[in-house]
Amino acid sequence: MFGERAREHMILLFIQKDDLDGMDFCDYLKQAPRAIQELIRKFRDCYHVFNNKATGAEQEDQREQLLTLVQDVVDKCKGRYYTNSQYQKTEEEIQKETQVLQENYRE
């Protein structure tokens, strides 16, 4: 919907790490469905995992790790944010591609 460039400004959030019964999330990903692996690849491995039942130090750690990741994304984007004009440009590109595909299909 927003185009591939929008993903440069996004972080995937996985919740319910507690459902993995102690399994490391990286180990889980090795056996995860291909669609999840592909999604993570598209997001440049930019994800964070939350244990919904975390308390105390673990909860604080999760929060700090997420804030660090957010700052990393901001730094990589040099402080720029994804704007509506970028969305509009992407939408125009998608419309052009759709039109070309429709014309090719009619031929």
PDB file of N, CA and C in Angstrom:
ATOM      1  N   MET A   1       0.814  -1.191   0.000  1.00  0.00           N
ATOM      2  CA  MET A   1       0.000   0.000   0.000  1.00  0.00           C
ATOM      3  C   MET A   1       0.863   1.263   0.000  1.00  0.00           C
ATOM      4  N   PHE A   2       1.853   1.351   0.850  1.00  0.00           N
ATOM      5  CA  PHE A   2       2.689   2.535   0.939  1.00  0.00           C
ATOM      6  C   PHE A   2       3.970   2.404   0.135  1.00  0.00           C
ATOM      7  N   GLY A   3       4.207   1.256  -0.438  1.00  0.00           N
ATOM      8  CA  GLY A   3       5.413   1.064  -1.223  1.00  0.00           C
ATOM      9  C   GLY A   3       6.563   0.547  -0.384  1.00  0.00           C
ATOM     10  N   GLU A   4       7.563   0.050  -1.082  1.00  0.00           N
ATOM     11  CA  GLU A   4       8.705  -0.556  -0.396  1.00  0.00           C
ATOM     12  C   GLU A   4       9.492   0.452   0.431  1.00  0.00           C
ATOM     13  N   ARG A   5       9.554   1.694  -0.027  1.00  0.00           N
ATOM     14  CA  ARG A   5      10.333   2.697   0.711  1.00  0.00           C
ATOM     15  C   ARG A   5       9.767   2.966   2.094  1.00  0.00           C
ATOM     16  N   ALA A   6       8.469   2.779   2.257  1.00  0.00           N
ATOM     17  CA  ALA A   6       7.862   3.012   3.571  1.00  0.00           C
ATOM     18  C   ALA A   6       8.443   2.066   4.611  1.00  0.00           C
ATOM     19  N   ARG A   7       8.796   0.849   4.181  1.00  0.00           N
ATOM     20  CA  ARG A   7       9.345  -0.132   5.128  1.00  0.00           C
ATOM     21  C   ARG A   7      10.652   0.336   5.756  1.00  0.00           C
ATOM     22  N   GLU A   8      11.345   1.252   5.090  1.00  0.00           N
ATOM     23  CA  GLU A   8      12.578   1.787   5.669  1.00  0.00           C
ATOM     24  C   GLU A   8      12.295   2.539   6.964  1.00  0.00           C
ATOM     25  N   HIS A   9      11.051   2.933   7.161  1.00  0.00           N
ATOM     26  CA  HIS A   9      10.649   3.720   8.324  1.00  0.00           C
ATOM     27  C   HIS A   9       9.849   2.897   9.330  1.00  0.00           C
ATOM     28  N   MET A  10       9.781   1.588   9.121  1.00  0.00           N
ATOM     29  CA  MET A  10       8.920   0.735   9.945  1.00  0.00           C
ATOM     30  C   MET A  10       9.705  -0.309  10.727  1.00  0.00           C
ATOM     31  N   ILE A  11       9.072  -0.772  11.780  1.00  0.00           N
ATOM     32  CA  ILE A  11       9.602  -1.851  12.609  1.00  0.00           C
ATOM     33  C   ILE A  11       8.487  -2.885  12.758  1.00  0.00           C
ATOM     34  N   LEU A  12       8.819  -4.141  12.505  1.00  0.00           N
ATOM     35  CA  LEU A  12       7.854  -5.219  12.752  1.00  0.00           C
ATOM     36  C   LEU A  12       7.841  -5.521  14.245  1.00  0.00           C
ATOM     37  N   LEU A  13       6.664  -5.622  14.805  1.00  0.00           N
ATOM     38  CA  LEU A  13       6.545  -5.975  16.219  1.00  0.00           C
ATOM     39  C   LEU A  13       5.856  -7.328  16.335  1.00  0.00           C
ATOM     40  N   PHE A  14       6.550  -8.248  16.956  1.00  0.00           N
ATOM     41  CA  PHE A  14       5.982  -9.568  17.237  1.00  0.00           C
ATOM     42  C   PHE A  14       5.630  -9.603  18.714  1.00  0.00           C
ATOM     43  N   ILE A  15       4.440 -10.072  18.997  1.00  0.00           N
ATOM     44  CA  ILE A  15       4.009 -10.157  20.393  1.00  0.00           C
ATOM     45  C   ILE A  15       3.845 -11.623  20.778  1.00  0.00           C
ATOM     46  N   GLN A  16       3.629 -11.831  22.040  1.00  0.00           N
ATOM     47  CA  GLN A  16       3.396 -13.158  22.617  1.00  0.00           C
ATOM     48  C   GLN A  16       4.613 -14.075  22.522  1.00  0.00           C
ATOM     49  N   LYS A  17       5.778 -13.501  22.726  1.00  0.00           N
ATOM     50  CA  LYS A  17       6.990 -14.319  22.809  1.00  0.00           C
ATOM     51  C   LYS A  17       6.817 -15.382  23.891  1.00  0.00           C
ATOM     52  N   ASP A  18       6.018 -15.052  24.882  1.00  0.00           N
ATOM     53  CA  ASP A  18       5.773 -15.989  25.986  1.00  0.00           C
ATOM     54  C   ASP A  18       5.137 -17.287  25.499  1.00  0.00           C
ATOM     55  N   ASP A  19       4.481 -17.270  24.345  1.00  0.00           N
ATOM     56  CA  ASP A  19       3.882 -18.490  23.791  1.00  0.00           C
ATOM     57  C   ASP A  19       4.920 -19.454  23.221  1.00  0.00           C
ATOM     58  N   LEU A  20       6.161 -19.011  23.102  1.00  0.00           N
ATOM     59  CA  LEU A  20       7.210 -19.876  22.547  1.00  0.00           C
ATOM     60  C   LEU A  20       7.788 -20.828  23.587  1.00  0.00           C
ATOM     61  N   ASP A  21       7.307 -20.757  24.809  1.00  0.00           N
ATOM     62  CA  ASP A  21       7.743 -21.664  25.885  1.00  0.00           C
ATOM     63  C   ASP A  21       9.257 -21.736  26.015  1.00  0.00           C
ATOM     64  N   GLY A  22       9.895 -20.567  26.033  1.00  0.00           N
ATOM     65  CA  GLY A  22      11.339 -20.518  26.247  1.00  0.00           C
ATOM     66  C   GLY A  22      12.183 -20.663  24.996  1.00  0.00           C
ATOM     67  N   MET A  23      11.572 -20.990  23.868  1.00  0.00           N
ATOM     68  CA  MET A  23      12.334 -21.129  22.621  1.00  0.00           C
ATOM     69  C   MET A  23      12.856 -19.756  22.191  1.00  0.00           C
ATOM     70  N   ASP A  24      14.093 -19.717  21.753  1.00  0.00           N
ATOM     71  CA  ASP A  24      14.676 -18.485  21.242  1.00  0.00           C
ATOM     72  C   ASP A  24      13.938 -18.079  19.965  1.00  0.00           C
ATOM     73  N   PHE A  25      13.657 -16.788  19.823  1.00  0.00           N
ATOM     74  CA  PHE A  25      12.893 -16.326  18.667  1.00  0.00           C
ATOM     75  C   PHE A  25      13.626 -16.600  17.356  1.00  0.00           C
ATOM     76  N   CYS A  26      14.936 -16.481  17.348  1.00  0.00           N
ATOM     77  CA  CYS A  26      15.714 -16.783  16.130  1.00  0.00           C
ATOM     78  C   CYS A  26      15.554 -18.253  15.745  1.00  0.00           C
ATOM     79  N   ASP A  27      15.517 -19.130  16.733  1.00  0.00           N
ATOM     80  CA  ASP A  27      15.278 -20.552  16.454  1.00  0.00           C
ATOM     81  C   ASP A  27      13.873 -20.757  15.898  1.00  0.00           C
ATOM     82  N   TYR A  28      12.917 -20.032  16.463  1.00  0.00           N
ATOM     83  CA  TYR A  28      11.549 -20.111  15.953  1.00  0.00           C
ATOM     84  C   TYR A  28      11.505 -19.683  14.487  1.00  0.00           C
ATOM     85  N   LEU A  29      12.210 -18.602  14.160  1.00  0.00           N
ATOM     86  CA  LEU A  29      12.182 -18.094  12.781  1.00  0.00           C
ATOM     87  C   LEU A  29      12.733 -19.104  11.783  1.00  0.00           C
ATOM     88  N   LYS A  30      13.692 -19.915  12.223  1.00  0.00           N
ATOM     89  CA  LYS A  30      14.270 -20.917  11.317  1.00  0.00           C
ATOM     90  C   LYS A  30      13.226 -21.922  10.855  1.00  0.00           C
ATOM     91  N   GLN A  31      12.218 -22.151  11.690  1.00  0.00           N
ATOM     92  CA  GLN A  31      11.182 -23.109  11.318  1.00  0.00           C
ATOM     93  C   GLN A  31       9.835 -22.438  11.044  1.00  0.00           C
ATOM     94  N   ALA A  32       9.838 -21.111  11.014  1.00  0.00           N
ATOM     95  CA  ALA A  32       8.606 -20.361  10.752  1.00  0.00           C
ATOM     96  C   ALA A  32       8.193 -20.507   9.290  1.00  0.00           C
ATOM     97  N   PRO A  33       6.927 -20.277   9.003  1.00  0.00           N
ATOM     98  CA  PRO A  33       6.472 -20.327   7.612  1.00  0.00           C
ATOM     99  C   PRO A  33       7.283 -19.366   6.731  1.00  0.00           C
ATOM    100  N   ARG A  34       7.451 -19.760   5.496  1.00  0.00           N
ATOM    101  CA  ARG A  34       8.242 -18.970   4.547  1.00  0.00           C
ATOM    102  C   ARG A  34       7.729 -17.530   4.446  1.00  0.00           C
ATOM    103  N   ALA A  35       6.421 -17.329   4.554  1.00  0.00           N
ATOM    104  CA  ALA A  35       5.845 -15.985   4.450  1.00  0.00           C
ATOM    105  C   ALA A  35       6.377 -15.068   5.550  1.00  0.00           C
ATOM    106  N   ILE A  36       6.530 -15.601   6.750  1.00  0.00           N
ATOM    107  CA  ILE A  36       7.067 -14.800   7.854  1.00  0.00           C
ATOM    108  C   ILE A  36       8.538 -14.501   7.608  1.00  0.00           C
ATOM    109  N   GLN A  37       9.283 -15.483   7.169  1.00  0.00           N
ATOM    110  CA  GLN A  37      10.701 -15.273   6.871  1.00  0.00           C
ATOM    111  C   GLN A  37      10.875 -14.215   5.784  1.00  0.00           C
ATOM    112  N   GLU A  38      10.034 -14.267   4.766  1.00  0.00           N
ATOM    113  CA  GLU A  38      10.098 -13.298   3.669  1.00  0.00           C
ATOM    114  C   GLU A  38       9.728 -11.898   4.158  1.00  0.00           C
ATOM    115  N   LEU A  39       8.731 -11.814   5.022  1.00  0.00           N
ATOM    116  CA  LEU A  39       8.330 -10.525   5.574  1.00  0.00           C
ATOM    117  C   LEU A  39       9.480  -9.897   6.351  1.00  0.00           C
ATOM    118  N   ILE A  40      10.141 -10.682   7.161  1.00  0.00           N
ATOM    119  CA  ILE A  40      11.272 -10.175   7.936  1.00  0.00           C
ATOM    120  C   ILE A  40      12.393  -9.715   7.007  1.00  0.00           C
ATOM    121  N   ARG A  41      12.636 -10.469   5.946  1.00  0.00           N
ATOM    122  CA  ARG A  41      13.662 -10.073   4.981  1.00  0.00           C
ATOM    123  C   ARG A  41      13.299  -8.730   4.338  1.00  0.00           C
ATOM    124  N   LYS A  42      12.032  -8.570   3.980  1.00  0.00           N
ATOM    125  CA  LYS A  42      11.591  -7.317   3.357  1.00  0.00           C
ATOM    126  C   LYS A  42      11.757  -6.132   4.298  1.00  0.00           C
ATOM    127  N   PHE A  43      11.674  -6.395   5.583  1.00  0.00           N
ATOM    128  CA  PHE A  43      11.843  -5.338   6.576  1.00  0.00           C
ATOM    129  C   PHE A  43      13.293  -5.224   7.056  1.00  0.00           C
ATOM    130  N   ARG A  44      14.223  -5.832   6.305  1.00  0.00           N
ATOM    131  CA  ARG A  44      15.658  -5.736   6.592  1.00  0.00           C
ATOM    132  C   ARG A  44      15.983  -6.217   8.010  1.00  0.00           C
ATOM    133  N   ASP A  45      15.307  -7.250   8.456  1.00  0.00           N
ATOM    134  CA  ASP A  45      15.510  -7.799   9.802  1.00  0.00           C
ATOM    135  C   ASP A  45      15.263  -6.763  10.893  1.00  0.00           C
ATOM    136  N   CYS A  46      14.415  -5.800  10.608  1.00  0.00           N
ATOM    137  CA  CYS A  46      14.109  -4.742  11.570  1.00  0.00           C
ATOM    138  C   CYS A  46      12.826  -5.129  12.319  1.00  0.00           C
ATOM    139  N   TYR A  47      13.007  -5.859  13.408  1.00  0.00           N
ATOM    140  CA  TYR A  47      11.853  -6.323  14.176  1.00  0.00           C
ATOM    141  C   TYR A  47      12.193  -6.344  15.658  1.00  0.00           C
ATOM    142  N   HIS A  48      11.143  -6.415  16.456  1.00  0.00           N
ATOM    143  CA  HIS A  48      11.310  -6.522  17.900  1.00  0.00           C
ATOM    144  C   HIS A  48      10.267  -7.512  18.414  1.00  0.00           C
ATOM    145  N   VAL A  49      10.620  -8.233  19.451  1.00  0.00           N
ATOM    146  CA  VAL A  49       9.747  -9.272  19.996  1.00  0.00           C
ATOM    147  C   VAL A  49       9.389  -8.919  21.436  1.00  0.00           C
ATOM    148  N   PHE A  50       8.092  -8.998  21.745  1.00  0.00           N
ATOM    149  CA  PHE A  50       7.620  -8.698  23.088  1.00  0.00           C
ATOM    150  C   PHE A  50       7.099  -9.945  23.776  1.00  0.00           C
ATOM    151  N   ASN A  51       7.515 -10.109  25.016  1.00  0.00           N
ATOM    152  CA  ASN A  51       6.929 -11.096  25.914  1.00  0.00           C
ATOM    153  C   ASN A  51       5.819 -10.357  26.651  1.00  0.00           C
ATOM    154  N   ASN A  52       4.580 -10.686  26.340  1.00  0.00           N
ATOM    155  CA  ASN A  52       3.446  -9.978  26.938  1.00  0.00           C
ATOM    156  C   ASN A  52       3.366 -10.158  28.449  1.00  0.00           C
ATOM    157  N   LYS A  53       3.981 -11.206  28.959  1.00  0.00           N
ATOM    158  CA  LYS A  53       3.900 -11.484  30.393  1.00  0.00           C
ATOM    159  C   LYS A  53       5.135 -11.007  31.152  1.00  0.00           C
ATOM    160  N   ALA A  54       6.003 -10.283  30.468  1.00  0.00           N
ATOM    161  CA  ALA A  54       7.228  -9.797  31.111  1.00  0.00           C
ATOM    162  C   ALA A  54       6.889  -8.807  32.218  1.00  0.00           C
ATOM    163  N   THR A  55       7.716  -8.837  33.251  1.00  0.00           N
ATOM    164  CA  THR A  55       7.568  -7.888  34.351  1.00  0.00           C
ATOM    165  C   THR A  55       8.952  -7.405  34.748  1.00  0.00           C
ATOM    166  N   GLY A  56       8.981  -6.352  35.510  1.00  0.00           N
ATOM    167  CA  GLY A  56      10.226  -5.873  36.091  1.00  0.00           C
ATOM    168  C   GLY A  56      11.330  -5.608  35.089  1.00  0.00           C
ATOM    169  N   ALA A  57      12.497  -6.204  35.351  1.00  0.00           N
ATOM    170  CA  ALA A  57      13.694  -5.958  34.544  1.00  0.00           C
ATOM    171  C   ALA A  57      13.507  -6.397  33.093  1.00  0.00           C
ATOM    172  N   GLU A  58      12.827  -7.526  32.890  1.00  0.00           N
ATOM    173  CA  GLU A  58      12.617  -7.998  31.515  1.00  0.00           C
ATOM    174  C   GLU A  58      11.747  -7.011  30.737  1.00  0.00           C
ATOM    175  N   GLN A  59      10.731  -6.498  31.387  1.00  0.00           N
ATOM    176  CA  GLN A  59       9.849  -5.525  30.740  1.00  0.00           C
ATOM    177  C   GLN A  59      10.627  -4.248  30.400  1.00  0.00           C
ATOM    178  N   GLU A  60      11.450  -3.809  31.323  1.00  0.00           N
ATOM    179  CA  GLU A  60      12.277  -2.618  31.098  1.00  0.00           C
ATOM    180  C   GLU A  60      13.262  -2.858  29.955  1.00  0.00           C
ATOM    181  N   ASP A  61      13.854  -4.045  29.918  1.00  0.00           N
ATOM    182  CA  ASP A  61      14.773  -4.419  28.830  1.00  0.00           C
ATOM    183  C   ASP A  61      14.083  -4.352  27.472  1.00  0.00           C
ATOM    184  N   GLN A  62      12.887  -4.912  27.398  1.00  0.00           N
ATOM    185  CA  GLN A  62      12.129  -4.892  26.142  1.00  0.00           C
ATOM    186  C   GLN A  62      11.895  -3.461  25.679  1.00  0.00           C
ATOM    187  N   ARG A  63      11.513  -2.617  26.616  1.00  0.00           N
ATOM    188  CA  ARG A  63      11.243  -1.219  26.293  1.00  0.00           C
ATOM    189  C   ARG A  63      12.501  -0.535  25.787  1.00  0.00           C
ATOM    190  N   GLU A  64      13.606  -0.729  26.482  1.00  0.00           N
ATOM    191  CA  GLU A  64      14.874  -0.105  26.086  1.00  0.00           C
ATOM    192  C   GLU A  64      15.338  -0.599  24.720  1.00  0.00           C
ATOM    193  N   GLN A  65      15.185  -1.898  24.479  1.00  0.00           N
ATOM    194  CA  GLN A  65      15.581  -2.449  23.178  1.00  0.00           C
ATOM    195  C   GLN A  65      14.742  -1.854  22.055  1.00  0.00           C
ATOM    196  N   LEU A  66      13.447  -1.694  22.289  1.00  0.00           N
ATOM    197  CA  LEU A  66      12.581  -1.102  21.274  1.00  0.00           C
ATOM    198  C   LEU A  66      12.971   0.352  21.018  1.00  0.00           C
ATOM    199  N   LEU A  67      13.196   1.110  22.074  1.00  0.00           N
ATOM    200  CA  LEU A  67      13.585   2.513  21.899  1.00  0.00           C
ATOM    201  C   LEU A  67      14.915   2.635  21.161  1.00  0.00           C
ATOM    202  N   THR A  68      15.839   1.729  21.434  1.00  0.00           N
ATOM    203  CA  THR A  68      17.117   1.718  20.714  1.00  0.00           C
ATOM    204  C   THR A  68      16.890   1.424  19.239  1.00  0.00           C
ATOM    205  N   LEU A  69      16.027   0.468  18.955  1.00  0.00           N
ATOM    206  CA  LEU A  69      15.718   0.125  17.568  1.00  0.00           C
ATOM    207  C   LEU A  69      15.051   1.299  16.856  1.00  0.00           C
ATOM    208  N   VAL A  70      14.130   1.967  17.532  1.00  0.00           N
ATOM    209  CA  VAL A  70      13.484   3.151  16.948  1.00  0.00           C
ATOM    210  C   VAL A  70      14.541   4.199  16.617  1.00  0.00           C
ATOM    211  N   GLN A  71      15.459   4.427  17.531  1.00  0.00           N
ATOM    212  CA  GLN A  71      16.514   5.415  17.282  1.00  0.00           C
ATOM    213  C   GLN A  71      17.396   4.990  16.115  1.00  0.00           C
ATOM    214  N   ASP A  72      17.684   3.702  16.000  1.00  0.00           N
ATOM    215  CA  ASP A  72      18.467   3.196  14.863  1.00  0.00           C
ATOM    216  C   ASP A  72      17.760   3.484  13.542  1.00  0.00           C
ATOM    217  N   VAL A  73      16.450   3.263  13.511  1.00  0.00           N
ATOM    218  CA  VAL A  73      15.673   3.525  12.291  1.00  0.00           C
ATOM    219  C   VAL A  73      15.702   5.017  11.966  1.00  0.00           C
ATOM    220  N   VAL A  74      15.508   5.846  12.971  1.00  0.00           N
ATOM    221  CA  VAL A  74      15.559   7.301  12.767  1.00  0.00           C
ATOM    222  C   VAL A  74      16.925   7.704  12.228  1.00  0.00           C
ATOM    223  N   ASP A  75      17.987   7.142  12.795  1.00  0.00           N
ATOM    224  CA  ASP A  75      19.345   7.458  12.339  1.00  0.00           C
ATOM    225  C   ASP A  75      19.563   7.019  10.892  1.00  0.00           C
ATOM    226  N   LYS A  76      19.119   5.810  10.556  1.00  0.00           N
ATOM    227  CA  LYS A  76      19.285   5.308   9.185  1.00  0.00           C
ATOM    228  C   LYS A  76      18.526   6.167   8.184  1.00  0.00           C
ATOM    229  N   CYS A  77      17.400   6.702   8.614  1.00  0.00           N
ATOM    230  CA  CYS A  77      16.590   7.556   7.730  1.00  0.00           C
ATOM    231  C   CYS A  77      17.023   9.020   7.828  1.00  0.00           C
ATOM    232  N   LYS A  78      18.100   9.246   8.570  1.00  0.00           N
ATOM    233  CA  LYS A  78      18.659  10.593   8.748  1.00  0.00           C
ATOM    234  C   LYS A  78      17.608  11.578   9.261  1.00  0.00           C
ATOM    235  N   GLY A  79      16.746  11.077  10.123  1.00  0.00           N
ATOM    236  CA  GLY A  79      15.739  11.928  10.744  1.00  0.00           C
ATOM    237  C   GLY A  79      14.545  12.226   9.858  1.00  0.00           C
ATOM    238  N   ARG A  80      14.583  11.772   8.618  1.00  0.00           N
ATOM    239  CA  ARG A  80      13.454  12.020   7.712  1.00  0.00           C
ATOM    240  C   ARG A  80      12.338  11.033   8.034  1.00  0.00           C
ATOM    241  N   TYR A  81      11.145  11.469   7.838  1.00  0.00           N
ATOM    242  CA  TYR A  81      10.002  10.603   8.065  1.00  0.00           C
ATOM    243  C   TYR A  81       9.274  10.378   6.749  1.00  0.00           C
ATOM    244  N   TYR A  82       8.472   9.352   6.717  1.00  0.00           N
ATOM    245  CA  TYR A  82       7.721   9.016   5.506  1.00  0.00           C
ATOM    246  C   TYR A  82       6.560   9.980   5.402  1.00  0.00           C
ATOM    247  N   THR A  83       6.539  10.750   4.333  1.00  0.00           N
ATOM    248  CA  THR A  83       5.541  11.804   4.201  1.00  0.00           C
ATOM    249  C   THR A  83       4.426  11.413   3.247  1.00  0.00           C
ATOM    250  N   ASN A  84       3.370  12.176   3.314  1.00  0.00           N
ATOM    251  CA  ASN A  84       2.247  11.960   2.418  1.00  0.00           C
ATOM    252  C   ASN A  84       2.674  12.167   0.968  1.00  0.00           C
ATOM    253  N   SER A  85       3.585  13.112   0.721  1.00  0.00           N
ATOM    254  CA  SER A  85       4.037  13.328  -0.659  1.00  0.00           C
ATOM    255  C   SER A  85       4.749  12.080  -1.177  1.00  0.00           C
ATOM    256  N   GLN A  86       5.494  11.417  -0.303  1.00  0.00           N
ATOM    257  CA  GLN A  86       6.136  10.168  -0.705  1.00  0.00           C
ATOM    258  C   GLN A  86       5.068   9.115  -0.998  1.00  0.00           C
ATOM    259  N   TYR A  87       4.032   9.103  -0.183  1.00  0.00           N
ATOM    260  CA  TYR A  87       2.930   8.168  -0.412  1.00  0.00           C
ATOM    261  C   TYR A  87       2.265   8.469  -1.749  1.00  0.00           C
ATOM    262  N   GLN A  88       2.025   9.757  -2.017  1.00  0.00           N
ATOM    263  CA  GLN A  88       1.388  10.145  -3.275  1.00  0.00           C
ATOM    264  C   GLN A  88       2.235   9.728  -4.471  1.00  0.00           C
ATOM    265  N   LYS A  89       3.540   9.937  -4.378  1.00  0.00           N
ATOM    266  CA  LYS A  89       4.437   9.554  -5.466  1.00  0.00           C
ATOM    267  C   LYS A  89       4.378   8.038  -5.679  1.00  0.00           C
ATOM    268  N   THR A  90       4.409   7.300  -4.587  1.00  0.00           N
ATOM    269  CA  THR A  90       4.331   5.840  -4.681  1.00  0.00           C
ATOM    270  C   THR A  90       3.000   5.422  -5.301  1.00  0.00           C
ATOM    271  N   GLU A  91       1.925   6.064  -4.880  1.00  0.00           N
ATOM    272  CA  GLU A  91       0.602   5.751  -5.425  1.00  0.00           C
ATOM    273  C   GLU A  91       0.564   6.017  -6.930  1.00  0.00           C
ATOM    274  N   GLU A  92       1.169   7.117  -7.366  1.00  0.00           N
ATOM    275  CA  GLU A  92       1.215   7.424  -8.799  1.00  0.00           C
ATOM    276  C   GLU A  92       1.997   6.353  -9.557  1.00  0.00           C
ATOM    277  N   GLU A  93       3.109   5.915  -8.982  1.00  0.00           N
ATOM    278  CA  GLU A  93       3.908   4.861  -9.613  1.00  0.00           C
ATOM    279  C   GLU A  93       3.109   3.563  -9.726  1.00  0.00           C
ATOM    280  N   ILE A  94       2.379   3.241  -8.684  1.00  0.00           N
ATOM    281  CA  ILE A  94       1.560   2.026  -8.698  1.00  0.00           C
ATOM    282  C   ILE A  94       0.474   2.140  -9.766  1.00  0.00           C
ATOM    283  N   GLN A  95      -0.152   3.304  -9.866  1.00  0.00           N
ATOM    284  CA  GLN A  95      -1.199   3.508 -10.872  1.00  0.00           C
ATOM    285  C   GLN A  95      -0.635   3.360 -12.283  1.00  0.00           C
ATOM    286  N   LYS A  96       0.561   3.907 -12.517  1.00  0.00           N
ATOM    287  CA  LYS A  96       1.200   3.783 -13.831  1.00  0.00           C
ATOM    288  C   LYS A  96       1.486   2.318 -14.155  1.00  0.00           C
ATOM    289  N   GLU A  97       2.033   1.602 -13.185  1.00  0.00           N
ATOM    290  CA  GLU A  97       2.331   0.182 -13.389  1.00  0.00           C
ATOM    291  C   GLU A  97       1.053  -0.611 -13.648  1.00  0.00           C
ATOM    292  N   THR A  98       0.007  -0.285 -12.913  1.00  0.00           N
ATOM    293  CA  THR A  98      -1.274  -0.963 -13.102  1.00  0.00           C
ATOM    294  C   THR A  98      -1.819  -0.707 -14.501  1.00  0.00           C
ATOM    295  N   GLN A  99      -1.712   0.530 -14.955  1.00  0.00           N
ATOM    296  CA  GLN A  99      -2.195   0.879 -16.289  1.00  0.00           C
ATOM    297  C   GLN A  99      -1.421   0.116 -17.365  1.00  0.00           C
ATOM    298  N   VAL A 100      -0.104   0.044 -17.221  1.00  0.00           N
ATOM    299  CA  VAL A 100       0.721  -0.692 -18.183  1.00  0.00           C
ATOM    300  C   VAL A 100       0.322  -2.161 -18.195  1.00  0.00           C
ATOM    301  N   LEU A 101       0.140  -2.734 -17.026  1.00  0.00           N
ATOM    302  CA  LEU A 101      -0.262  -4.139 -16.945  1.00  0.00           C
ATOM    303  C   LEU A 101      -1.624  -4.371 -17.589  1.00  0.00           C
ATOM    304  N   GLN A 102      -2.547  -3.457 -17.355  1.00  0.00           N
ATOM    305  CA  GLN A 102      -3.878  -3.594 -17.953  1.00  0.00           C
ATOM    306  C   GLN A 102      -3.807  -3.487 -19.472  1.00  0.00           C
ATOM    307  N   GLU A 103      -2.993  -2.556 -19.967  1.00  0.00           N
ATOM    308  CA  GLU A 103      -2.836  -2.405 -21.415  1.00  0.00           C
ATOM    309  C   GLU A 103      -2.196  -3.649 -22.021  1.00  0.00           C
ATOM    310  N   ASN A 104      -1.195  -4.179 -21.352  1.00  0.00           N
ATOM    311  CA  ASN A 104      -0.538  -5.398 -21.837  1.00  0.00           C
ATOM    312  C   ASN A 104      -1.494  -6.585 -21.816  1.00  0.00           C
ATOM    313  N   TYR A 105      -2.362  -6.623 -20.837  1.00  0.00           N
ATOM    314  CA  TYR A 105      -3.316  -7.719 -20.709  1.00  0.00           C
ATOM    315  C   TYR A 105      -4.339  -7.674 -21.843  1.00  0.00           C
ATOM    316  N   ARG A 106      -4.746  -6.469 -22.213  1.00  0.00           N
ATOM    317  CA  ARG A 106      -5.741  -6.295 -23.283  1.00  0.00           C
ATOM    318  C   ARG A 106      -5.192  -6.709 -24.643  1.00  0.00           C
ATOM    319  N   GLU A 107      -3.886  -6.572 -24.811  1.00  0.00           N
ATOM    320  CA  GLU A 107      -3.260  -6.906 -26.098  1.00  0.00           C
ATOM    321  C   GLU A 107      -3.140  -8.356 -26.258  1.00  0.00           C
TER     322      GLU A 107
END
